[in-house]
Amino acid sequence: MDHEVRITLRLPGDLHSWLVAQAKSARRSLNSEILHRLEGECATAEADGESL
C-alpha cells in the first residue's frame, strides 16, 4: 500500500456486530478485519479478470 486514506464508514448495526465478532475470533482489530476481507475480494476479482 503506497499511502493510507482515512474514511468515515456507516454500517448497519448488525453488520458491524458481525464484523466485530469476526475480528475478535481472528484476533484482529476491526480495521484489520475489514482490510483483510477487502484485500481478499480484490485478489479474487483480479484472479477472475475483473479490473479495479
N, C-alpha and C. Protein backbone atom coordinates (compact mmCIF):
# COMPACT_ATOMS: atom_id res chain seq x y z
N MET A 1 0.85 -1.17 0.00
CA MET A 1 0.00 0.00 0.00
C MET A 1 0.90 1.24 0.00
N ASP A 2 0.70 2.12 -0.96
CA ASP A 2 1.52 3.31 -1.07
C ASP A 2 1.22 4.35 0.00
N HIS A 3 -0.05 4.56 0.26
CA HIS A 3 -0.44 5.53 1.28
C HIS A 3 -1.79 5.13 1.87
N GLU A 4 -2.08 5.69 2.98
CA GLU A 4 -3.35 5.39 3.65
C GLU A 4 -4.28 6.58 3.55
N VAL A 5 -5.56 6.29 3.47
CA VAL A 5 -6.58 7.32 3.42
C VAL A 5 -7.59 7.02 4.52
N ARG A 6 -7.92 8.00 5.29
CA ARG A 6 -8.90 7.83 6.36
C ARG A 6 -10.29 8.11 5.80
N ILE A 7 -11.24 7.23 6.12
CA ILE A 7 -12.62 7.43 5.67
C ILE A 7 -13.56 7.24 6.85
N THR A 8 -14.74 7.79 6.71
CA THR A 8 -15.83 7.54 7.65
C THR A 8 -16.76 6.56 6.97
N LEU A 9 -17.10 5.49 7.65
CA LEU A 9 -17.91 4.44 7.05
C LEU A 9 -19.14 4.21 7.92
N ARG A 10 -20.30 4.21 7.30
CA ARG A 10 -21.54 3.93 8.02
C ARG A 10 -21.96 2.50 7.69
N LEU A 11 -22.18 1.71 8.73
CA LEU A 11 -22.58 0.32 8.57
C LEU A 11 -23.88 0.07 9.33
N PRO A 12 -24.70 -0.83 8.82
CA PRO A 12 -25.84 -1.26 9.63
C PRO A 12 -25.32 -1.91 10.92
N GLY A 13 -26.07 -1.75 11.99
CA GLY A 13 -25.64 -2.27 13.29
C GLY A 13 -25.35 -3.75 13.30
N ASP A 14 -26.18 -4.54 12.60
CA ASP A 14 -25.96 -5.99 12.60
C ASP A 14 -24.70 -6.37 11.84
N LEU A 15 -24.37 -5.65 10.76
CA LEU A 15 -23.13 -5.92 10.03
C LEU A 15 -21.93 -5.54 10.88
N HIS A 16 -22.01 -4.41 11.57
CA HIS A 16 -20.93 -4.00 12.45
C HIS A 16 -20.69 -5.04 13.54
N SER A 17 -21.75 -5.52 14.16
CA SER A 17 -21.63 -6.53 15.21
C SER A 17 -20.99 -7.80 14.67
N TRP A 18 -21.40 -8.20 13.47
CA TRP A 18 -20.84 -9.41 12.86
C TRP A 18 -19.35 -9.24 12.58
N LEU A 19 -18.97 -8.08 12.03
CA LEU A 19 -17.57 -7.82 11.74
C LEU A 19 -16.73 -7.79 13.02
N VAL A 20 -17.26 -7.18 14.07
CA VAL A 20 -16.56 -7.15 15.35
C VAL A 20 -16.34 -8.58 15.87
N ALA A 21 -17.36 -9.42 15.77
CA ALA A 21 -17.23 -10.81 16.22
C ALA A 21 -16.21 -11.57 15.38
N GLN A 22 -16.22 -11.34 14.07
CA GLN A 22 -15.25 -12.00 13.19
C GLN A 22 -13.83 -11.54 13.50
N ALA A 23 -13.66 -10.25 13.74
CA ALA A 23 -12.34 -9.71 14.08
C ALA A 23 -11.84 -10.30 15.39
N LYS A 24 -12.72 -10.36 16.37
CA LYS A 24 -12.33 -10.93 17.67
C LYS A 24 -11.92 -12.39 17.53
N SER A 25 -12.69 -13.13 16.75
CA SER A 25 -12.40 -14.55 16.53
C SER A 25 -11.04 -14.75 15.85
N ALA A 26 -10.69 -13.84 14.95
CA ALA A 26 -9.42 -13.93 14.23
C ALA A 26 -8.30 -13.17 14.93
N ARG A 27 -8.60 -12.60 16.10
CA ARG A 27 -7.62 -11.81 16.87
C ARG A 27 -7.06 -10.66 16.04
N ARG A 28 -7.97 -9.96 15.37
CA ARG A 28 -7.59 -8.79 14.59
C ARG A 28 -8.41 -7.60 15.08
N SER A 29 -7.92 -6.41 14.79
CA SER A 29 -8.72 -5.21 15.05
C SER A 29 -9.84 -5.17 14.01
N LEU A 30 -10.84 -4.36 14.29
CA LEU A 30 -11.92 -4.20 13.32
C LEU A 30 -11.36 -3.66 12.00
N ASN A 31 -10.48 -2.69 12.07
CA ASN A 31 -9.87 -2.13 10.87
C ASN A 31 -9.13 -3.22 10.09
N SER A 32 -8.34 -4.02 10.79
CA SER A 32 -7.59 -5.09 10.12
C SER A 32 -8.52 -6.13 9.51
N GLU A 33 -9.61 -6.42 10.17
CA GLU A 33 -10.57 -7.39 9.64
C GLU A 33 -11.20 -6.87 8.34
N ILE A 34 -11.58 -5.61 8.33
CA ILE A 34 -12.18 -5.03 7.12
C ILE A 34 -11.16 -5.04 5.99
N LEU A 35 -9.92 -4.63 6.27
CA LEU A 35 -8.87 -4.65 5.25
C LEU A 35 -8.62 -6.06 4.73
N HIS A 36 -8.55 -7.01 5.64
CA HIS A 36 -8.33 -8.41 5.27
C HIS A 36 -9.40 -8.89 4.28
N ARG A 37 -10.64 -8.59 4.57
CA ARG A 37 -11.75 -9.01 3.72
C ARG A 37 -11.74 -8.28 2.38
N LEU A 38 -11.48 -6.99 2.40
CA LEU A 38 -11.44 -6.23 1.15
C LEU A 38 -10.28 -6.67 0.26
N GLU A 39 -9.12 -6.88 0.86
CA GLU A 39 -7.97 -7.34 0.08
C GLU A 39 -8.22 -8.72 -0.52
N GLY A 40 -8.90 -9.58 0.23
CA GLY A 40 -9.26 -10.89 -0.30
C GLY A 40 -10.20 -10.79 -1.48
N GLU A 41 -11.16 -9.89 -1.40
CA GLU A 41 -12.09 -9.68 -2.51
C GLU A 41 -11.37 -9.10 -3.72
N CYS A 42 -10.43 -8.19 -3.49
CA CYS A 42 -9.66 -7.62 -4.61
C CYS A 42 -8.84 -8.69 -5.30
N ALA A 43 -8.21 -9.56 -4.53
CA ALA A 43 -7.41 -10.64 -5.12
C ALA A 43 -8.29 -11.58 -5.93
N THR A 44 -9.47 -11.89 -5.42
CA THR A 44 -10.40 -12.76 -6.14
C THR A 44 -10.86 -12.10 -7.43
N ALA A 45 -11.17 -10.82 -7.37
CA ALA A 45 -11.63 -10.09 -8.56
C ALA A 45 -10.52 -10.05 -9.61
N GLU A 46 -9.31 -9.81 -9.18
CA GLU A 46 -8.18 -9.77 -10.13
C GLU A 46 -7.97 -11.14 -10.76
N ALA A 47 -8.08 -12.20 -9.97
CA ALA A 47 -7.92 -13.56 -10.50
C ALA A 47 -9.02 -13.89 -11.51
N ASP A 48 -10.17 -13.30 -11.33
CA ASP A 48 -11.30 -13.52 -12.25
C ASP A 48 -11.23 -12.59 -13.46
N GLY A 49 -10.19 -11.75 -13.53
CA GLY A 49 -10.04 -10.85 -14.66
C GLY A 49 -10.81 -9.57 -14.57
N GLU A 50 -11.33 -9.25 -13.41
CA GLU A 50 -12.06 -8.00 -13.23
C GLU A 50 -11.07 -6.89 -12.93
N SER A 51 -11.32 -5.73 -13.49
CA SER A 51 -10.44 -4.60 -13.21
C SER A 51 -10.95 -3.84 -11.99
N LEU A 52 -10.03 -3.20 -11.29
CA LEU A 52 -10.38 -2.43 -10.09
C LEU A 52 -10.56 -0.99 -10.42
